[in-house]
Amino acid sequence: MKAFIKSLQLRWTDLAYVVGLIPFAVLLIFGQLFMQYQNPSEVALPMWAAILCFVVMLGCWGYYLYEEVWKKRGEFNKLNSIIICALSALVLINIIAIFVQPSIHVENVIVRMDYELNDVSYTTGQVLPIALNISYFHKVFFTFELIAASLCIYIGLFVLPKRFTSVSFIKYLGYIFFIFAGVLIIYGYIAEFNKYVGFFKYLLNISRPEGTDIYSFTVQSFILHRNAYGMMMMVAVTFALICHEFTKKWYFYLLAGFFYVNMIFSLCKTGLLISAISIFIYVFYRLVATYKDHKKRNKIALISIFSVVIVVALLFGTAYITKGKIFGKLYTIIDSVIGGGKTLDTRSYIWDNSYQLMQNGWWVIGRGFGTFNTMLMPMNGATHNDWVFPSHSSYIGLLAEGGILFLIAYIALLVYSGYVIIKSFKKQPGLTLTVALGYISFVLYSFIETIHYLAYVCLFPVMVIYFTQQKEKQVD
């Protein structure tokens, strides 16, 4: 442990950065709540608390930037100045979009199912007018979040790398995230214990409450949506694999498995599938890479893994193809999780609603950070009579909230990250593979799920920073 702490090269300024992450996380979490409710009084965070979090965060990160940027400003080149100006311009444009965001009235929302809303009966295909409003409190709060996120992005991408070697930085960031994921899990165990019990009872068909499905018992901790909780577990799995490649310590396999098991209780299907593939590819790579050193052990392990995969595929495949005539309980589980195509159907109407909201000339600067999803939430609820989280596509969300400029900047980051990953395969294939798995997971997940801004500022810096760092010395 002493060697690990020494390898991280921590100072008081680093502690200030970590402390600043706490109010930052509070702003992000409550920001997700504000997207769900048009009335600020329905969310238990008064304006003074939001301002306090913002001031504490600015204080901690202001001190950090003073010590690590202002005092060392001679070390920064012109590129850094250009990046600061570009990021500031994007933030300013988005703040303008937030405050000029008008309330709108959508006349041609199409109802997707038969139901009654406000004593009015609606049928499938009927047109439904919706009034969408953004309060001044929402606009102020989303401005806080935007400034906070931009500061975290700048520090993560352009300040922290100068403090650490590439290896020690990823360790530093990885362990911070392990702690964060651990807090989510423990809180879930305490606050949502009944959901865990209900989850197992539902799978085993023991006293299921009438009118419920398995999603009624999914765990979300205080991230406020099960997919967000699952995404956090997915990122933790990726960090565990990266840390294993650094250290070759067996307990990181157990840690990855622990996070994966907890992801199951979120029923985040995208995260579960992507993480399973990532773990399989990485373990397969390690067995092949060390085959000459442990031929007998690795041969047994490879045969065992492939045997388990084949057996599981046959069991679930047979149950699904026969519609439960064979292995009926397995089919019940599959059908409960997949929902008979409900996942894709849900996304289709969400994306239709998203397209309608992006009309009327808001393509260039977007509708402003947070405001798009705040309007989309009641629109989704009105068309489907169901609580549905925002856009379910990070790319749609970025285009709608930040406009073409934000989307182009983000895609440029994606392309650059992919380029440096490919370029580094020859130098360090093992380490590059783990980061590549994280990169692919992130990109694929973003297509059909809404990634929280915490992931934007935590995961991509790992990819970009590692491969742009010149210090490649291994730190044990």
Protein backbone atom coordinates (compact mmCIF):
# COMPACT_ATOMS: atom_id res chain seq x y z
CA MET A 1 0.00 0.00 0.00
CA LYS A 2 2.85 2.41 0.82
CA ALA A 3 4.44 1.69 -2.54
CA PHE A 4 1.13 2.32 -4.28
CA ILE A 5 0.56 5.64 -2.50
CA LYS A 6 4.12 6.66 -3.31
CA SER A 7 3.65 5.74 -6.97
CA LEU A 8 0.64 8.08 -7.19
CA GLN A 9 2.83 11.06 -6.20
CA LEU A 10 -0.10 12.68 -4.35
CA ARG A 11 0.04 16.23 -2.96
CA TRP A 12 -2.33 18.59 -1.15
CA THR A 13 -3.41 20.04 -4.50
CA ASP A 14 -4.55 16.56 -5.57
CA LEU A 15 -6.62 16.29 -2.39
CA ALA A 16 -8.27 19.60 -3.29
CA TYR A 17 -9.19 18.20 -6.69
CA VAL A 18 -10.69 15.04 -5.16
CA VAL A 19 -12.66 17.05 -2.58
CA GLY A 20 -14.00 19.22 -5.41
CA LEU A 21 -15.41 16.10 -7.05
CA ILE A 22 -17.92 15.70 -4.18
CA PRO A 23 -20.00 18.87 -4.80
CA PHE A 24 -19.50 18.25 -8.52
CA ALA A 25 -21.14 14.82 -8.17
CA VAL A 26 -24.00 16.38 -6.16
CA LEU A 27 -24.63 18.89 -8.95
CA LEU A 28 -24.66 16.10 -11.54
CA ILE A 29 -27.01 13.85 -9.57
CA PHE A 30 -29.53 16.59 -8.79
CA GLY A 31 -29.22 17.81 -12.35
CA GLN A 32 -30.67 14.49 -13.45
CA LEU A 33 -33.58 15.06 -11.05
CA PHE A 34 -34.21 18.53 -12.43
CA MET A 35 -34.52 17.02 -15.90
CA GLN A 36 -37.45 14.93 -14.64
CA TYR A 37 -39.51 17.61 -12.92
CA GLN A 38 -40.66 20.90 -14.41
CA ASN A 39 -41.52 22.19 -10.94
CA PRO A 40 -38.29 22.88 -8.93
CA SER A 41 -40.18 22.50 -5.63
CA GLU A 42 -40.58 18.77 -6.36
CA VAL A 43 -36.80 18.32 -5.99
CA ALA A 44 -35.38 18.56 -2.47
CA LEU A 45 -32.48 20.87 -3.29
CA PRO A 46 -33.06 24.58 -2.66
CA MET A 47 -31.18 27.22 -4.61
CA TRP A 48 -28.91 28.05 -1.67
CA ALA A 49 -27.72 24.41 -1.55
CA ALA A 50 -26.99 24.41 -5.29
CA ILE A 51 -25.04 27.69 -4.93
CA LEU A 52 -23.12 26.27 -1.93
CA CYS A 53 -22.09 23.16 -3.91
CA PHE A 54 -21.02 25.34 -6.81
CA VAL A 55 -18.97 27.69 -4.59
CA VAL A 56 -17.23 24.81 -2.75
CA MET A 57 -16.38 23.16 -6.06
CA LEU A 58 -15.03 26.44 -7.50
CA GLY A 59 -13.00 27.00 -4.32
CA CYS A 60 -11.34 23.57 -4.44
CA TRP A 61 -10.74 23.56 -8.16
CA GLY A 62 -9.76 27.24 -8.18
CA TYR A 63 -6.97 26.45 -5.71
CA TYR A 64 -5.95 23.45 -7.80
CA LEU A 65 -5.83 25.49 -11.02
CA TYR A 66 -3.91 28.27 -9.27
CA GLU A 67 -1.23 25.84 -8.10
CA GLU A 68 -1.06 23.63 -11.18
CA VAL A 69 -1.84 26.08 -14.00
CA TRP A 70 -1.32 29.72 -13.04
CA LYS A 71 1.97 29.19 -11.17
CA LYS A 72 3.20 26.94 -13.99
CA ARG A 73 1.76 28.91 -16.88
CA GLY A 74 5.17 29.12 -18.52
CA GLU A 75 5.01 25.36 -19.16
CA PHE A 76 1.87 25.58 -21.29
CA ASN A 77 2.09 26.06 -25.03
CA LYS A 78 -0.12 27.87 -27.55
CA LEU A 79 -2.25 24.76 -28.04
CA ASN A 80 -3.35 24.96 -24.42
CA SER A 81 -4.42 28.59 -24.89
CA ILE A 82 -6.36 27.67 -28.02
CA ILE A 83 -8.13 24.86 -26.16
CA ILE A 84 -9.07 27.19 -23.29
CA CYS A 85 -10.50 29.74 -25.73
CA ALA A 86 -12.40 27.08 -27.71
CA LEU A 87 -13.84 25.46 -24.59
CA SER A 88 -14.81 28.86 -23.16
CA ALA A 89 -16.52 29.81 -26.43
CA LEU A 90 -18.52 26.57 -26.52
CA VAL A 91 -19.58 27.04 -22.89
CA LEU A 92 -20.59 30.66 -23.48
CA ILE A 93 -22.64 29.73 -26.56
CA ASN A 94 -24.39 26.99 -24.58
CA ILE A 95 -25.16 29.33 -21.68
CA ILE A 96 -26.74 31.76 -24.15
CA ALA A 97 -28.81 28.88 -25.53
CA ILE A 98 -29.96 27.96 -22.00
CA PHE A 99 -31.20 31.44 -21.16
CA VAL A 100 -32.82 32.27 -24.50
CA GLN A 101 -34.56 28.90 -24.47
CA PRO A 102 -38.28 29.68 -24.91
CA SER A 103 -41.19 27.67 -23.61
CA ILE A 104 -42.75 25.81 -26.51
CA HIS A 105 -46.02 24.16 -27.42
CA VAL A 106 -45.81 21.00 -29.55
CA GLU A 107 -49.07 20.30 -31.37
CA ASN A 108 -48.38 17.09 -33.25
CA VAL A 109 -47.05 14.57 -30.73
CA ILE A 110 -48.29 11.11 -31.70
CA VAL A 111 -49.78 8.88 -28.98
CA ARG A 112 -48.17 5.41 -28.94
CA MET A 113 -50.72 3.49 -26.88
CA ASP A 114 -54.28 3.75 -25.55
CA TYR A 115 -54.53 5.43 -22.14
CA GLU A 116 -56.18 8.22 -20.17
CA LEU A 117 -54.35 11.40 -19.14
CA ASN A 118 -55.91 14.27 -17.18
CA ASP A 119 -59.41 12.77 -17.66
CA VAL A 120 -58.90 12.69 -21.44
CA SER A 121 -58.84 9.37 -23.29
CA TYR A 122 -56.16 8.98 -25.97
CA THR A 123 -55.86 6.21 -28.53
CA THR A 124 -52.91 4.97 -30.56
CA GLY A 125 -52.12 7.32 -33.44
CA GLN A 126 -54.03 10.29 -32.01
CA VAL A 127 -52.33 13.72 -32.04
CA LEU A 128 -51.60 15.17 -28.59
CA PRO A 129 -50.60 18.84 -27.93
CA ILE A 130 -47.94 19.30 -25.23
CA ALA A 131 -46.83 22.52 -23.46
CA LEU A 132 -43.16 22.41 -22.39
CA ASN A 133 -41.69 24.96 -19.96
CA ILE A 134 -38.24 25.63 -18.53
CA SER A 135 -38.13 27.52 -15.21
CA TYR A 136 -35.53 30.16 -14.37
CA PHE A 137 -34.29 27.88 -11.53
CA HIS A 138 -33.65 25.12 -14.06
CA LYS A 139 -31.68 27.48 -16.28
CA VAL A 140 -29.48 28.70 -13.41
CA PHE A 141 -28.85 25.17 -12.17
CA PHE A 142 -27.97 23.83 -15.62
CA THR A 143 -25.56 26.75 -16.03
CA PHE A 144 -23.83 25.64 -12.80
CA GLU A 145 -23.60 22.10 -14.15
CA LEU A 146 -22.22 23.24 -17.50
CA ILE A 147 -19.45 25.32 -15.92
CA ALA A 148 -18.64 22.47 -13.52
CA ALA A 149 -18.45 19.90 -16.32
CA SER A 150 -16.27 22.15 -18.50
CA LEU A 151 -13.83 22.73 -15.63
CA CYS A 152 -13.63 19.00 -14.94
CA ILE A 153 -13.02 18.27 -18.63
CA TYR A 154 -10.23 20.85 -18.80
CA ILE A 155 -8.54 19.61 -15.63
CA GLY A 156 -8.89 15.97 -16.67
CA LEU A 157 -7.59 16.42 -20.21
CA PHE A 158 -4.96 19.13 -19.91
CA VAL A 159 -3.86 19.57 -16.29
CA LEU A 160 -3.74 16.19 -14.56
CA PRO A 161 -1.55 14.56 -17.25
CA LYS A 162 1.23 17.02 -16.40
CA ARG A 163 1.17 15.81 -12.80
CA PHE A 164 1.50 12.09 -13.34
CA THR A 165 3.09 9.52 -15.56
CA SER A 166 0.56 7.84 -17.82
CA VAL A 167 0.51 4.72 -15.65
CA SER A 168 0.19 6.40 -12.27
CA PHE A 169 -2.53 8.71 -13.56
CA ILE A 170 -4.76 5.85 -14.66
CA LYS A 171 -4.19 4.18 -11.30
CA TYR A 172 -5.12 7.43 -9.58
CA LEU A 173 -8.27 7.86 -11.63
CA GLY A 174 -9.13 4.16 -11.46
CA TYR A 175 -9.01 3.98 -7.69
CA ILE A 176 -11.10 7.12 -7.36
CA PHE A 177 -13.70 5.44 -9.53
CA PHE A 178 -13.52 2.17 -7.58
CA ILE A 179 -14.33 4.12 -4.42
CA PHE A 180 -17.21 5.90 -6.16
CA ALA A 181 -18.65 2.62 -7.52
CA GLY A 182 -18.23 1.02 -4.09
CA VAL A 183 -20.23 3.83 -2.47
CA LEU A 184 -23.03 3.30 -5.02
CA ILE A 185 -23.11 -0.44 -4.33
CA ILE A 186 -23.11 -0.15 -0.54
CA TYR A 187 -25.80 2.53 -0.64
CA GLY A 188 -27.86 0.26 -2.89
CA TYR A 189 -27.51 -2.66 -0.47
CA ILE A 190 -28.79 -0.50 2.39
CA ALA A 191 -31.44 1.68 0.73
CA GLU A 192 -32.78 -0.85 -1.79
CA PHE A 193 -32.50 -4.14 0.07
CA ASN A 194 -36.15 -4.96 -0.67
CA LYS A 195 -35.46 -4.67 -4.38
CA TYR A 196 -32.72 -7.30 -4.18
CA VAL A 197 -35.12 -9.63 -2.39
CA GLY A 198 -37.88 -8.90 -4.92
CA PHE A 199 -35.46 -9.46 -7.81
CA PHE A 200 -34.65 -13.00 -6.66
CA LYS A 201 -38.27 -13.75 -5.81
CA TYR A 202 -39.37 -12.68 -9.28
CA LEU A 203 -36.74 -14.83 -11.02
CA LEU A 204 -37.65 -17.84 -8.86
CA ASN A 205 -41.38 -17.12 -9.27
CA ILE A 206 -41.95 -16.78 -5.53
CA SER A 207 -44.92 -14.64 -4.49
CA ARG A 208 -44.67 -12.12 -7.33
CA PRO A 209 -46.74 -8.98 -6.67
CA GLU A 210 -49.56 -8.63 -9.19
CA GLY A 211 -48.97 -6.17 -12.01
CA THR A 212 -45.17 -6.04 -11.60
CA ASP A 213 -42.37 -7.10 -13.90
CA ILE A 214 -38.70 -7.71 -13.22
CA TYR A 215 -37.88 -4.06 -13.94
CA SER A 216 -39.86 -3.12 -10.84
CA PHE A 217 -37.03 -4.60 -8.77
CA THR A 218 -34.00 -3.21 -10.57
CA VAL A 219 -31.40 -1.38 -8.48
CA GLN A 220 -30.30 2.16 -9.28
CA SER A 221 -28.65 3.39 -6.05
CA PHE A 222 -28.86 7.21 -5.93
CA ILE A 223 -27.86 7.67 -9.58
CA LEU A 224 -31.62 7.88 -10.21
CA HIS A 225 -31.88 5.53 -13.19
CA ARG A 226 -30.93 1.87 -13.53
CA ASN A 227 -29.08 2.37 -16.83
CA ALA A 228 -26.91 5.07 -15.26
CA TYR A 229 -26.10 2.72 -12.36
CA GLY A 230 -25.32 -0.07 -14.83
CA MET A 231 -23.09 2.25 -16.84
CA MET A 232 -21.10 3.13 -13.72
CA MET A 233 -20.57 -0.58 -13.06
CA MET A 234 -19.51 -1.06 -16.71
CA VAL A 235 -16.85 1.64 -16.38
CA ALA A 236 -15.66 0.08 -13.10
CA VAL A 237 -15.27 -3.29 -14.88
CA THR A 238 -13.17 -1.60 -17.56
CA PHE A 239 -10.93 0.06 -14.96
CA ALA A 240 -10.49 -3.28 -13.18
CA LEU A 241 -9.24 -4.90 -16.41
CA ILE A 242 -6.87 -1.99 -17.05
CA CYS A 243 -5.49 -2.22 -13.50
CA HIS A 244 -4.99 -5.97 -13.94
CA GLU A 245 -2.92 -5.35 -17.06
CA PHE A 246 -0.78 -2.89 -15.05
CA THR A 247 -0.22 -5.12 -12.05
CA LYS A 248 -1.11 -8.70 -13.12
CA LYS A 249 -2.72 -9.10 -9.68
CA TRP A 250 -5.42 -11.80 -9.60
CA TYR A 251 -7.73 -9.84 -7.30
CA PHE A 252 -8.55 -7.39 -10.09
CA TYR A 253 -10.34 -10.28 -11.83
CA LEU A 254 -12.43 -10.70 -8.68
CA LEU A 255 -13.08 -6.95 -8.61
CA ALA A 256 -14.25 -6.99 -12.24
CA GLY A 257 -16.53 -9.93 -11.42
CA PHE A 258 -17.89 -8.13 -8.35
CA PHE A 259 -18.85 -5.05 -10.37
CA TYR A 260 -20.36 -7.23 -13.11
CA VAL A 261 -22.56 -9.13 -10.63
CA ASN A 262 -23.85 -5.83 -9.26
CA MET A 263 -24.55 -4.65 -12.81
CA ILE A 264 -26.92 -7.61 -13.23
CA PHE A 265 -29.30 -6.09 -10.66
CA SER A 266 -29.64 -2.97 -12.82
CA LEU A 267 -30.71 -5.04 -15.85
CA CYS A 268 -28.70 -2.66 -18.01
CA LYS A 269 -28.68 -5.01 -20.99
CA THR A 270 -26.28 -2.96 -23.10
CA GLY A 271 -23.74 -2.72 -20.29
CA LEU A 272 -24.05 -6.40 -19.40
CA LEU A 273 -23.46 -7.53 -22.98
CA ILE A 274 -20.56 -5.15 -23.64
CA SER A 275 -18.84 -5.95 -20.33
CA ALA A 276 -19.23 -9.71 -20.84
CA ILE A 277 -17.58 -9.42 -24.27
CA SER A 278 -14.80 -7.20 -22.86
CA ILE A 279 -14.03 -9.61 -20.02
CA PHE A 280 -14.04 -12.59 -22.39
CA ILE A 281 -11.69 -10.89 -24.90
CA TYR A 282 -9.28 -9.75 -22.19
CA VAL A 283 -9.14 -13.11 -20.39
CA PHE A 284 -8.67 -14.88 -23.73
CA TYR A 285 -5.82 -12.50 -24.58
CA ARG A 286 -4.10 -13.08 -21.22
CA LEU A 287 -4.33 -16.86 -21.58
CA VAL A 288 -2.88 -16.74 -25.09
CA ALA A 289 -0.18 -14.21 -24.18
CA THR A 290 1.05 -16.36 -21.27
CA TYR A 291 0.46 -19.71 -22.98
CA LYS A 292 4.17 -20.60 -23.28
CA ASP A 293 4.75 -20.02 -19.57
CA HIS A 294 1.73 -22.01 -18.35
CA LYS A 295 0.74 -24.38 -21.16
CA LYS A 296 -1.17 -26.94 -19.10
CA ARG A 297 -3.01 -24.42 -16.95
CA ASN A 298 -3.95 -22.17 -19.85
CA LYS A 299 -5.06 -25.07 -22.04
CA ILE A 300 -7.43 -26.26 -19.31
CA ALA A 301 -8.68 -22.71 -18.75
CA LEU A 302 -9.32 -22.09 -22.45
CA ILE A 303 -11.18 -25.38 -22.89
CA SER A 304 -13.25 -24.69 -19.76
CA ILE A 305 -14.18 -21.17 -20.88
CA PHE A 306 -15.24 -22.25 -24.35
CA SER A 307 -17.19 -25.19 -22.92
CA VAL A 308 -19.13 -22.92 -20.55
CA VAL A 309 -19.84 -20.42 -23.34
CA ILE A 310 -21.10 -23.17 -25.68
CA VAL A 311 -23.29 -24.78 -23.00
CA VAL A 312 -24.84 -21.46 -21.95
CA ALA A 313 -25.43 -20.47 -25.58
CA LEU A 314 -27.13 -23.80 -26.28
CA LEU A 315 -29.33 -23.61 -23.18
CA PHE A 316 -30.53 -20.04 -23.71
CA GLY A 317 -30.67 -20.42 -27.49
CA THR A 318 -32.82 -23.55 -27.24
CA ALA A 319 -35.12 -21.92 -24.67
CA TYR A 320 -35.60 -18.83 -26.84
CA ILE A 321 -36.06 -20.64 -30.16
CA THR A 322 -38.61 -23.07 -28.72
CA LYS A 323 -40.46 -20.23 -26.96
CA GLY A 324 -40.22 -22.01 -23.61
CA LYS A 325 -41.32 -25.48 -24.69
CA ILE A 326 -37.85 -26.59 -23.62
CA PHE A 327 -36.16 -24.98 -20.60
CA GLY A 328 -39.29 -22.96 -19.83
CA LYS A 329 -37.86 -21.16 -16.78
CA LEU A 330 -34.88 -19.93 -18.80
CA TYR A 331 -37.25 -18.59 -21.44
CA THR A 332 -39.25 -16.78 -18.76
CA ILE A 333 -36.08 -15.04 -17.61
CA ILE A 334 -35.08 -14.12 -21.19
CA ASP A 335 -38.55 -12.83 -22.01
CA SER A 336 -38.70 -10.79 -18.78
CA VAL A 337 -35.35 -9.14 -19.48
CA ILE A 338 -35.82 -8.53 -23.21
CA GLY A 339 -39.44 -7.53 -22.79
CA GLY A 340 -40.63 -8.86 -26.12
CA GLY A 341 -38.95 -6.11 -28.14
CA LYS A 342 -40.05 -3.35 -25.76
CA THR A 343 -36.52 -1.95 -25.60
CA LEU A 344 -36.29 -1.08 -29.30
CA ASP A 345 -39.93 0.06 -29.45
CA THR A 346 -39.34 2.44 -26.54
CA ARG A 347 -36.28 3.95 -28.18
CA SER A 348 -38.08 4.44 -31.50
CA TYR A 349 -40.70 6.79 -30.03
CA ILE A 350 -38.12 8.56 -27.82
CA TRP A 351 -36.03 9.32 -30.90
CA ASP A 352 -39.16 10.46 -32.77
CA ASN A 353 -39.93 12.89 -29.96
CA SER A 354 -36.29 14.01 -29.89
CA TYR A 355 -36.44 14.82 -33.58
CA GLN A 356 -39.56 16.95 -33.09
CA LEU A 357 -37.93 18.93 -30.28
CA MET A 358 -34.84 19.66 -32.38
CA GLN A 359 -36.85 21.46 -35.04
CA ASN A 360 -37.42 25.21 -35.36
CA GLY A 361 -33.84 26.27 -36.02
CA TRP A 362 -32.05 24.93 -32.92
CA TRP A 363 -29.55 22.77 -34.81
CA VAL A 364 -26.56 25.13 -34.62
CA ILE A 365 -26.29 26.07 -30.92
CA GLY A 366 -28.66 23.48 -29.47
CA ARG A 367 -31.34 24.02 -26.85
CA GLY A 368 -28.87 24.27 -23.99
CA PHE A 369 -27.35 21.90 -21.47
CA GLY A 370 -30.10 20.08 -19.54
CA THR A 371 -33.04 21.92 -21.09
CA PHE A 372 -33.60 19.48 -23.95
CA ASN A 373 -33.98 16.43 -21.72
CA THR A 374 -36.13 18.43 -19.28
CA MET A 375 -38.63 19.05 -22.08
CA LEU A 376 -38.27 15.57 -23.54
CA MET A 377 -39.19 13.82 -20.27
CA PRO A 378 -42.84 15.00 -20.07
CA MET A 379 -43.14 14.58 -23.83
CA ASN A 380 -42.14 10.91 -23.53
CA GLY A 381 -44.48 10.43 -20.59
CA ALA A 382 -47.41 11.98 -22.44
CA THR A 383 -46.94 9.89 -25.58
CA HIS A 384 -46.43 6.58 -23.83
CA ASN A 385 -47.97 7.10 -20.39
CA ASP A 386 -44.75 5.87 -18.83
CA TRP A 387 -41.74 7.25 -16.95
CA VAL A 388 -38.97 7.22 -19.54
CA PHE A 389 -35.51 8.67 -19.06
CA PRO A 390 -34.21 11.18 -21.67
CA SER A 391 -32.96 10.67 -25.22
CA HIS A 392 -31.41 7.18 -24.80
CA SER A 393 -28.65 8.18 -27.20
CA SER A 394 -25.72 10.29 -26.11
CA TYR A 395 -25.13 11.55 -29.64
CA ILE A 396 -28.72 12.74 -30.01
CA GLY A 397 -28.48 14.37 -26.59
CA LEU A 398 -25.24 16.20 -27.46
CA LEU A 399 -26.63 17.42 -30.78
CA ALA A 400 -29.87 18.59 -29.17
CA GLU A 401 -28.29 20.30 -26.16
CA GLY A 402 -25.04 21.60 -27.64
CA GLY A 403 -25.86 21.83 -31.30
CA ILE A 404 -23.65 20.94 -34.22
CA LEU A 405 -20.62 22.68 -32.68
CA PHE A 406 -20.66 20.52 -29.53
CA LEU A 407 -21.29 17.35 -31.50
CA ILE A 408 -18.42 18.07 -33.90
CA ALA A 409 -16.06 18.76 -30.99
CA TYR A 410 -17.11 15.51 -29.31
CA ILE A 411 -16.76 13.43 -32.48
CA ALA A 412 -13.32 14.98 -33.00
CA LEU A 413 -12.39 13.70 -29.53
CA LEU A 414 -13.73 10.27 -30.43
CA VAL A 415 -11.76 10.14 -33.68
CA TYR A 416 -8.57 11.37 -32.05
CA SER A 417 -8.90 8.83 -29.22
CA GLY A 418 -9.37 6.04 -31.75
CA TYR A 419 -6.37 7.21 -33.75
CA VAL A 420 -3.96 7.24 -30.81
CA ILE A 421 -5.23 3.85 -29.65
CA ILE A 422 -4.54 2.27 -33.05
CA LYS A 423 -1.15 3.97 -33.22
CA SER A 424 -0.10 2.51 -29.84
CA PHE A 425 -0.93 -1.16 -30.46
CA LYS A 426 2.58 -2.09 -31.57
CA LYS A 427 4.28 -0.50 -28.58
CA GLN A 428 2.11 -1.92 -25.78
CA PRO A 429 -0.44 -4.43 -27.11
CA GLY A 430 -1.77 -5.63 -23.76
CA LEU A 431 -2.35 -2.25 -22.21
CA THR A 432 -3.64 -0.87 -25.49
CA LEU A 433 -6.16 -3.73 -25.72
CA THR A 434 -7.68 -2.94 -22.33
CA VAL A 435 -8.05 0.75 -23.15
CA ALA A 436 -9.42 -0.14 -26.60
CA LEU A 437 -12.06 -2.33 -24.96
CA GLY A 438 -13.07 0.62 -22.79
CA TYR A 439 -13.15 2.90 -25.81
CA ILE A 440 -15.33 0.53 -27.86
CA SER A 441 -17.63 -0.07 -24.87
CA PHE A 442 -18.09 3.66 -24.41
CA VAL A 443 -18.80 4.34 -28.09
CA LEU A 444 -21.27 1.45 -28.47
CA TYR A 445 -23.06 2.21 -25.20
CA SER A 446 -23.50 5.83 -26.27
CA PHE A 447 -25.54 4.87 -29.32
CA ILE A 448 -28.55 3.52 -27.43
CA GLU A 449 -28.11 4.87 -23.90
CA THR A 450 -27.70 8.30 -22.32
CA ILE A 451 -24.24 8.56 -20.80
CA HIS A 452 -24.03 10.92 -17.84
CA TYR A 453 -21.56 13.76 -18.08
CA LEU A 454 -19.52 12.20 -15.28
CA ALA A 455 -18.52 9.46 -17.72
CA TYR A 456 -17.54 11.99 -20.39
CA VAL A 457 -15.06 13.63 -18.06
CA CYS A 458 -13.73 10.44 -16.45
CA LEU A 459 -13.40 7.82 -19.17
CA PHE A 460 -12.13 9.65 -22.22
CA PRO A 461 -9.33 11.43 -20.37
CA VAL A 462 -7.98 7.96 -19.58
CA MET A 463 -7.80 7.12 -23.26
CA VAL A 464 -6.50 10.44 -24.50
CA ILE A 465 -4.10 11.13 -21.63
CA TYR A 466 -2.50 7.72 -21.63
CA PHE A 467 -1.69 7.73 -25.31
CA THR A 468 -0.57 11.35 -25.52
CA GLN A 469 1.73 11.08 -22.52
CA GLN A 470 5.43 10.88 -23.32
CA LYS A 471 6.34 9.24 -20.01
CA GLU A 472 5.93 5.52 -20.57
CA LYS A 473 7.88 4.29 -17.55
CA GLN A 474 6.10 1.45 -15.75
CA VAL A 475 5.22 2.25 -12.14
CA ASP A 476 4.77 -0.75 -9.86
